[in-house]
Amino acid sequence: MCKLLSEWSPSASAIDLVKLNGASDEQIAASVDYLKNQSDLKSIDDVDGYDNWNSLFILFCIKANKSNSD
């Protein structure tokens, strides 16, 4: 498990889960891009309530997808 966001990429199971929740490939790519390039996040240790990037990504992507569909 990598702690640094720069070394992380979403696992296949994380991608499958967000797809099951209605996210498209484009939305998934946009979420990964935002997390890696537009946020100030560096290490998962700096994010309260999360112990790995996949769990943060899943919730972020699902929430972003739901916001876009409203």
PDB file of N, CA and C in Angstrom:
ATOM      1  N   MET A   1       0.849  -1.169   0.000  1.00  0.00           N
ATOM      2  CA  MET A   1       0.000   0.000   0.000  1.00  0.00           C
ATOM      3  C   MET A   1       0.898   1.236   0.000  1.00  0.00           C
ATOM      4  N   CYS A   2       0.676   2.109  -0.961  1.00  0.00           N
ATOM      5  CA  CYS A   2       1.492   3.319  -1.014  1.00  0.00           C
ATOM      6  C   CYS A   2       0.821   4.446  -0.231  1.00  0.00           C
ATOM      7  N   LYS A   3       1.637   5.196   0.437  1.00  0.00           N
ATOM      8  CA  LYS A   3       1.154   6.314   1.249  1.00  0.00           C
ATOM      9  C   LYS A   3       1.130   7.614   0.452  1.00  0.00           C
ATOM     10  N   LEU A   4       2.020   7.746  -0.534  1.00  0.00           N
ATOM     11  CA  LEU A   4       2.110   8.977  -1.306  1.00  0.00           C
ATOM     12  C   LEU A   4       1.141   8.945  -2.486  1.00  0.00           C
ATOM     13  N   LEU A   5       0.399  10.014  -2.656  1.00  0.00           N
ATOM     14  CA  LEU A   5      -0.566  10.102  -3.750  1.00  0.00           C
ATOM     15  C   LEU A   5       0.124  10.012  -5.099  1.00  0.00           C
ATOM     16  N   SER A   6       1.300  10.576  -5.215  1.00  0.00           N
ATOM     17  CA  SER A   6       2.021  10.562  -6.493  1.00  0.00           C
ATOM     18  C   SER A   6       2.359   9.144  -6.958  1.00  0.00           C
ATOM     19  N   GLU A   7       2.417   8.191  -6.037  1.00  0.00           N
ATOM     20  CA  GLU A   7       2.760   6.797  -6.370  1.00  0.00           C
ATOM     21  C   GLU A   7       1.529   5.908  -6.518  1.00  0.00           C
ATOM     22  N   TRP A   8       0.351   6.440  -6.237  1.00  0.00           N
ATOM     23  CA  TRP A   8      -0.883   5.664  -6.227  1.00  0.00           C
ATOM     24  C   TRP A   8      -1.590   5.693  -7.574  1.00  0.00           C
ATOM     25  N   SER A   9      -2.245   4.610  -7.896  1.00  0.00           N
ATOM     26  CA  SER A   9      -3.222   4.565  -8.981  1.00  0.00           C
ATOM     27  C   SER A   9      -4.352   3.667  -8.494  1.00  0.00           C
ATOM     28  N   PRO A  10      -5.584   3.920  -8.914  1.00  0.00           N
ATOM     29  CA  PRO A  10      -6.708   3.159  -8.389  1.00  0.00           C
ATOM     30  C   PRO A  10      -6.612   1.683  -8.765  1.00  0.00           C
ATOM     31  N   SER A  11      -7.008   0.850  -7.824  1.00  0.00           N
ATOM     32  CA  SER A  11      -7.010  -0.594  -8.076  1.00  0.00           C
ATOM     33  C   SER A  11      -8.174  -0.955  -8.990  1.00  0.00           C
ATOM     34  N   ALA A  12      -8.083  -2.120  -9.601  1.00  0.00           N
ATOM     35  CA  ALA A  12      -9.155  -2.592 -10.479  1.00  0.00           C
ATOM     36  C   ALA A  12     -10.453  -2.739  -9.693  1.00  0.00           C
ATOM     37  N   SER A  13     -10.373  -3.203  -8.454  1.00  0.00           N
ATOM     38  CA  SER A  13     -11.593  -3.369  -7.660  1.00  0.00           C
ATOM     39  C   SER A  13     -12.212  -2.020  -7.293  1.00  0.00           C
ATOM     40  N   ALA A  14     -11.386  -1.002  -7.051  1.00  0.00           N
ATOM     41  CA  ALA A  14     -11.912   0.344  -6.772  1.00  0.00           C
ATOM     42  C   ALA A  14     -12.621   0.889  -8.008  1.00  0.00           C
ATOM     43  N   ILE A  15     -12.042   0.698  -9.167  1.00  0.00           N
ATOM     44  CA  ILE A  15     -12.662   1.156 -10.412  1.00  0.00           C
ATOM     45  C   ILE A  15     -13.968   0.408 -10.658  1.00  0.00           C
ATOM     46  N   ASP A  16     -13.964  -0.899 -10.443  1.00  0.00           N
ATOM     47  CA  ASP A  16     -15.194  -1.685 -10.610  1.00  0.00           C
ATOM     48  C   ASP A  16     -16.300  -1.175  -9.696  1.00  0.00           C
ATOM     49  N   LEU A  17     -15.951  -0.855  -8.465  1.00  0.00           N
ATOM     50  CA  LEU A  17     -16.947  -0.384  -7.507  1.00  0.00           C
ATOM     51  C   LEU A  17     -17.551   0.952  -7.925  1.00  0.00           C
ATOM     52  N   VAL A  18     -16.737   1.883  -8.375  1.00  0.00           N
ATOM     53  CA  VAL A  18     -17.302   3.169  -8.791  1.00  0.00           C
ATOM     54  C   VAL A  18     -18.117   3.028 -10.080  1.00  0.00           C
ATOM     55  N   LYS A  19     -17.736   2.103 -10.944  1.00  0.00           N
ATOM     56  CA  LYS A  19     -18.538   1.844 -12.136  1.00  0.00           C
ATOM     57  C   LYS A  19     -19.894   1.261 -11.759  1.00  0.00           C
ATOM     58  N   LEU A  20     -19.929   0.402 -10.758  1.00  0.00           N
ATOM     59  CA  LEU A  20     -21.203  -0.148 -10.282  1.00  0.00           C
ATOM     60  C   LEU A  20     -22.113   0.947  -9.733  1.00  0.00           C
ATOM     61  N   ASN A  21     -21.516   2.051  -9.297  1.00  0.00           N
ATOM     62  CA  ASN A  21     -22.277   3.178  -8.780  1.00  0.00           C
ATOM     63  C   ASN A  21     -22.567   4.218  -9.858  1.00  0.00           C
ATOM     64  N   GLY A  22     -22.336   3.868 -11.118  1.00  0.00           N
ATOM     65  CA  GLY A  22     -22.745   4.711 -12.232  1.00  0.00           C
ATOM     66  C   GLY A  22     -21.701   5.645 -12.797  1.00  0.00           C
ATOM     67  N   ALA A  23     -20.472   5.599 -12.330  1.00  0.00           N
ATOM     68  CA  ALA A  23     -19.436   6.484 -12.857  1.00  0.00           C
ATOM     69  C   ALA A  23     -18.936   5.959 -14.209  1.00  0.00           C
ATOM     70  N   SER A  24     -18.749   6.876 -15.133  1.00  0.00           N
ATOM     71  CA  SER A  24     -18.217   6.516 -16.454  1.00  0.00           C
ATOM     72  C   SER A  24     -16.689   6.525 -16.409  1.00  0.00           C
ATOM     73  N   ASP A  25     -16.091   6.013 -17.469  1.00  0.00           N
ATOM     74  CA  ASP A  25     -14.627   6.031 -17.574  1.00  0.00           C
ATOM     75  C   ASP A  25     -14.106   7.469 -17.538  1.00  0.00           C
ATOM     76  N   GLU A  26     -14.834   8.381 -18.171  1.00  0.00           N
ATOM     77  CA  GLU A  26     -14.424   9.785 -18.191  1.00  0.00           C
ATOM     78  C   GLU A  26     -14.483  10.397 -16.798  1.00  0.00           C
ATOM     79  N   GLN A  27     -15.525  10.079 -16.052  1.00  0.00           N
ATOM     80  CA  GLN A  27     -15.662  10.601 -14.692  1.00  0.00           C
ATOM     81  C   GLN A  27     -14.588  10.035 -13.777  1.00  0.00           C
ATOM     82  N   ILE A  28     -14.261   8.775 -13.968  1.00  0.00           N
ATOM     83  CA  ILE A  28     -13.206   8.147 -13.177  1.00  0.00           C
ATOM     84  C   ILE A  28     -11.867   8.820 -13.474  1.00  0.00           C
ATOM     85  N   ALA A  29     -11.570   9.010 -14.746  1.00  0.00           N
ATOM     86  CA  ALA A  29     -10.313   9.668 -15.136  1.00  0.00           C
ATOM     87  C   ALA A  29     -10.252  11.091 -14.594  1.00  0.00           C
ATOM     88  N   ALA A  30     -11.369  11.803 -14.641  1.00  0.00           N
ATOM     89  CA  ALA A  30     -11.398  13.175 -14.127  1.00  0.00           C
ATOM     90  C   ALA A  30     -11.180  13.195 -12.622  1.00  0.00           C
ATOM     91  N   SER A  31     -11.726  12.223 -11.915  1.00  0.00           N
ATOM     92  CA  SER A  31     -11.542  12.154 -10.465  1.00  0.00           C
ATOM     93  C   SER A  31     -10.089  11.866 -10.104  1.00  0.00           C
ATOM     94  N   VAL A  32      -9.480  10.927 -10.812  1.00  0.00           N
ATOM     95  CA  VAL A  32      -8.065  10.613 -10.571  1.00  0.00           C
ATOM     96  C   VAL A  32      -7.211  11.837 -10.874  1.00  0.00           C
ATOM     97  N   ASP A  33      -7.495  12.493 -11.989  1.00  0.00           N
ATOM     98  CA  ASP A  33      -6.736  13.689 -12.367  1.00  0.00           C
ATOM     99  C   ASP A  33      -6.875  14.779 -11.310  1.00  0.00           C
ATOM    100  N   TYR A  34      -8.082  14.999 -10.835  1.00  0.00           N
ATOM    101  CA  TYR A  34      -8.292  16.027  -9.821  1.00  0.00           C
ATOM    102  C   TYR A  34      -7.518  15.692  -8.546  1.00  0.00           C
ATOM    103  N   LEU A  35      -7.648  14.458  -8.076  1.00  0.00           N
ATOM    104  CA  LEU A  35      -6.951  14.083  -6.843  1.00  0.00           C
ATOM    105  C   LEU A  35      -5.443  14.245  -6.986  1.00  0.00           C
ATOM    106  N   LYS A  36      -4.905  13.838  -8.120  1.00  0.00           N
ATOM    107  CA  LYS A  36      -3.452  13.859  -8.294  1.00  0.00           C
ATOM    108  C   LYS A  36      -2.897  15.232  -8.648  1.00  0.00           C
ATOM    109  N   ASN A  37      -3.669  16.048  -9.361  1.00  0.00           N
ATOM    110  CA  ASN A  37      -3.105  17.283  -9.898  1.00  0.00           C
ATOM    111  C   ASN A  37      -3.733  18.570  -9.383  1.00  0.00           C
ATOM    112  N   GLN A  38      -4.956  18.520  -8.910  1.00  0.00           N
ATOM    113  CA  GLN A  38      -5.635  19.742  -8.517  1.00  0.00           C
ATOM    114  C   GLN A  38      -5.790  19.886  -7.008  1.00  0.00           C
ATOM    115  N   SER A  39      -5.523  18.834  -6.276  1.00  0.00           N
ATOM    116  CA  SER A  39      -5.654  18.905  -4.822  1.00  0.00           C
ATOM    117  C   SER A  39      -4.273  19.102  -4.198  1.00  0.00           C
ATOM    118  N   ASP A  40      -4.266  19.513  -2.960  1.00  0.00           N
ATOM    119  CA  ASP A  40      -3.011  19.698  -2.231  1.00  0.00           C
ATOM    120  C   ASP A  40      -2.625  18.460  -1.435  1.00  0.00           C
ATOM    121  N   LEU A  41      -3.262  17.343  -1.735  1.00  0.00           N
ATOM    122  CA  LEU A  41      -2.998  16.119  -0.993  1.00  0.00           C
ATOM    123  C   LEU A  41      -1.639  15.534  -1.388  1.00  0.00           C
ATOM    124  N   LYS A  42      -0.938  15.029  -0.398  1.00  0.00           N
ATOM    125  CA  LYS A  42       0.377  14.419  -0.644  1.00  0.00           C
ATOM    126  C   LYS A  42       0.451  12.991  -0.099  1.00  0.00           C
ATOM    127  N   SER A  43       0.106  12.832   1.199  1.00  0.00           N
ATOM    128  CA  SER A  43       0.208  11.540   1.868  1.00  0.00           C
ATOM    129  C   SER A  43      -1.132  11.179   2.487  1.00  0.00           C
ATOM    130  N   ILE A  44      -1.489   9.915   2.438  1.00  0.00           N
ATOM    131  CA  ILE A  44      -2.750   9.464   3.028  1.00  0.00           C
ATOM    132  C   ILE A  44      -2.747   9.696   4.535  1.00  0.00           C
ATOM    133  N   ASP A  45      -1.581   9.762   5.149  1.00  0.00           N
ATOM    134  CA  ASP A  45      -1.487  10.027   6.584  1.00  0.00           C
ATOM    135  C   ASP A  45      -2.009  11.417   6.947  1.00  0.00           C
ATOM    136  N   ASP A  46      -2.070  12.312   5.962  1.00  0.00           N
ATOM    137  CA  ASP A  46      -2.548  13.672   6.193  1.00  0.00           C
ATOM    138  C   ASP A  46      -4.065  13.806   6.053  1.00  0.00           C
ATOM    139  N   VAL A  47      -4.745  12.733   5.661  1.00  0.00           N
ATOM    140  CA  VAL A  47      -6.186  12.776   5.423  1.00  0.00           C
ATOM    141  C   VAL A  47      -6.887  12.067   6.585  1.00  0.00           C
ATOM    142  N   ASP A  48      -7.597  12.841   7.388  1.00  0.00           N
ATOM    143  CA  ASP A  48      -8.303  12.276   8.542  1.00  0.00           C
ATOM    144  C   ASP A  48      -9.400  11.313   8.088  1.00  0.00           C
ATOM    145  N   GLY A  49      -9.457  10.160   8.728  1.00  0.00           N
ATOM    146  CA  GLY A  49     -10.520   9.203   8.477  1.00  0.00           C
ATOM    147  C   GLY A  49     -10.254   8.201   7.375  1.00  0.00           C
ATOM    148  N   TYR A  50      -9.123   8.293   6.714  1.00  0.00           N
ATOM    149  CA  TYR A  50      -8.803   7.365   5.626  1.00  0.00           C
ATOM    150  C   TYR A  50      -7.428   6.756   5.860  1.00  0.00           C
ATOM    151  N   ASP A  51      -7.318   5.471   5.510  1.00  0.00           N
ATOM    152  CA  ASP A  51      -6.027   4.813   5.664  1.00  0.00           C
ATOM    153  C   ASP A  51      -5.438   4.345   4.337  1.00  0.00           C
ATOM    154  N   ASN A  52      -6.195   4.561   3.242  1.00  0.00           N
ATOM    155  CA  ASN A  52      -5.648   4.241   1.923  1.00  0.00           C
ATOM    156  C   ASN A  52      -6.316   5.096   0.858  1.00  0.00           C
ATOM    157  N   TRP A  53      -5.626   5.287  -0.251  1.00  0.00           N
ATOM    158  CA  TRP A  53      -6.110   6.165  -1.322  1.00  0.00           C
ATOM    159  C   TRP A  53      -7.323   5.591  -2.023  1.00  0.00           C
ATOM    160  N   ASN A  54      -7.426   4.277  -2.144  1.00  0.00           N
ATOM    161  CA  ASN A  54      -8.569   3.692  -2.835  1.00  0.00           C
ATOM    162  C   ASN A  54      -9.881   4.030  -2.135  1.00  0.00           C
ATOM    163  N   SER A  55      -9.909   3.969  -0.818  1.00  0.00           N
ATOM    164  CA  SER A  55     -11.151   4.281  -0.108  1.00  0.00           C
ATOM    165  C   SER A  55     -11.532   5.749  -0.297  1.00  0.00           C
ATOM    166  N   LEU A  56     -10.564   6.649  -0.261  1.00  0.00           N
ATOM    167  CA  LEU A  56     -10.841   8.058  -0.510  1.00  0.00           C
ATOM    168  C   LEU A  56     -11.316   8.265  -1.945  1.00  0.00           C
ATOM    169  N   PHE A  57     -10.652   7.637  -2.887  1.00  0.00           N
ATOM    170  CA  PHE A  57     -11.019   7.747  -4.294  1.00  0.00           C
ATOM    171  C   PHE A  57     -12.444   7.263  -4.539  1.00  0.00           C
ATOM    172  N   ILE A  58     -12.813   6.131  -3.972  1.00  0.00           N
ATOM    173  CA  ILE A  58     -14.152   5.572  -4.173  1.00  0.00           C
ATOM    174  C   ILE A  58     -15.209   6.565  -3.706  1.00  0.00           C
ATOM    175  N   LEU A  59     -15.080   7.053  -2.499  1.00  0.00           N
ATOM    176  CA  LEU A  59     -16.066   8.001  -1.985  1.00  0.00           C
ATOM    177  C   LEU A  59     -16.055   9.311  -2.762  1.00  0.00           C
ATOM    178  N   PHE A  60     -14.883   9.807  -3.093  1.00  0.00           N
ATOM    179  CA  PHE A  60     -14.768  11.047  -3.857  1.00  0.00           C
ATOM    180  C   PHE A  60     -15.431  10.905  -5.225  1.00  0.00           C
ATOM    181  N   CYS A  61     -15.129   9.843  -5.921  1.00  0.00           N
ATOM    182  CA  CYS A  61     -15.637   9.639  -7.272  1.00  0.00           C
ATOM    183  C   CYS A  61     -17.153   9.455  -7.262  1.00  0.00           C
ATOM    184  N   ILE A  62     -17.667   8.669  -6.336  1.00  0.00           N
ATOM    185  CA  ILE A  62     -19.114   8.461  -6.252  1.00  0.00           C
ATOM    186  C   ILE A  62     -19.824   9.771  -5.930  1.00  0.00           C
ATOM    187  N   LYS A  63     -19.292  10.519  -4.977  1.00  0.00           N
ATOM    188  CA  LYS A  63     -19.899  11.799  -4.594  1.00  0.00           C
ATOM    189  C   LYS A  63     -19.834  12.784  -5.760  1.00  0.00           C
ATOM    190  N   ALA A  64     -18.721  12.860  -6.461  1.00  0.00           N
ATOM    191  CA  ALA A  64     -18.588  13.757  -7.609  1.00  0.00           C
ATOM    192  C   ALA A  64     -19.550  13.357  -8.713  1.00  0.00           C
ATOM    193  N   ASN A  65     -19.718  12.068  -8.941  1.00  0.00           N
ATOM    194  CA  ASN A  65     -20.625  11.573  -9.968  1.00  0.00           C
ATOM    195  C   ASN A  65     -22.072  11.929  -9.607  1.00  0.00           C
ATOM    196  N   LYS A  66     -22.443  11.784  -8.353  1.00  0.00           N
ATOM    197  CA  LYS A  66     -23.807  12.113  -7.930  1.00  0.00           C
ATOM    198  C   LYS A  66     -24.061  13.611  -8.035  1.00  0.00           C
ATOM    199  N   SER A  67     -23.055  14.430  -7.751  1.00  0.00           N
ATOM    200  CA  SER A  67     -23.195  15.882  -7.849  1.00  0.00           C
ATOM    201  C   SER A  67     -23.426  16.302  -9.301  1.00  0.00           C
ATOM    202  N   ASN A  68     -22.788  15.622 -10.232  1.00  0.00           N
ATOM    203  CA  ASN A  68     -22.931  15.953 -11.645  1.00  0.00           C
ATOM    204  C   ASN A  68     -24.273  15.505 -12.215  1.00  0.00           C
ATOM    205  N   SER A  69     -24.892  14.502 -11.595  1.00  0.00           N
ATOM    206  CA  SER A  69     -26.157  13.992 -12.119  1.00  0.00           C
ATOM    207  C   SER A  69     -27.365  14.720 -11.554  1.00  0.00           C
ATOM    208  N   ASP A  70     -27.174  15.549 -10.529  1.00  0.00           N
ATOM    209  CA  ASP A  70     -28.306  16.287  -9.941  1.00  0.00           C
ATOM    210  C   ASP A  70     -28.740  17.445 -10.800  1.00  0.00           C
TER     211      ASP A  70
END
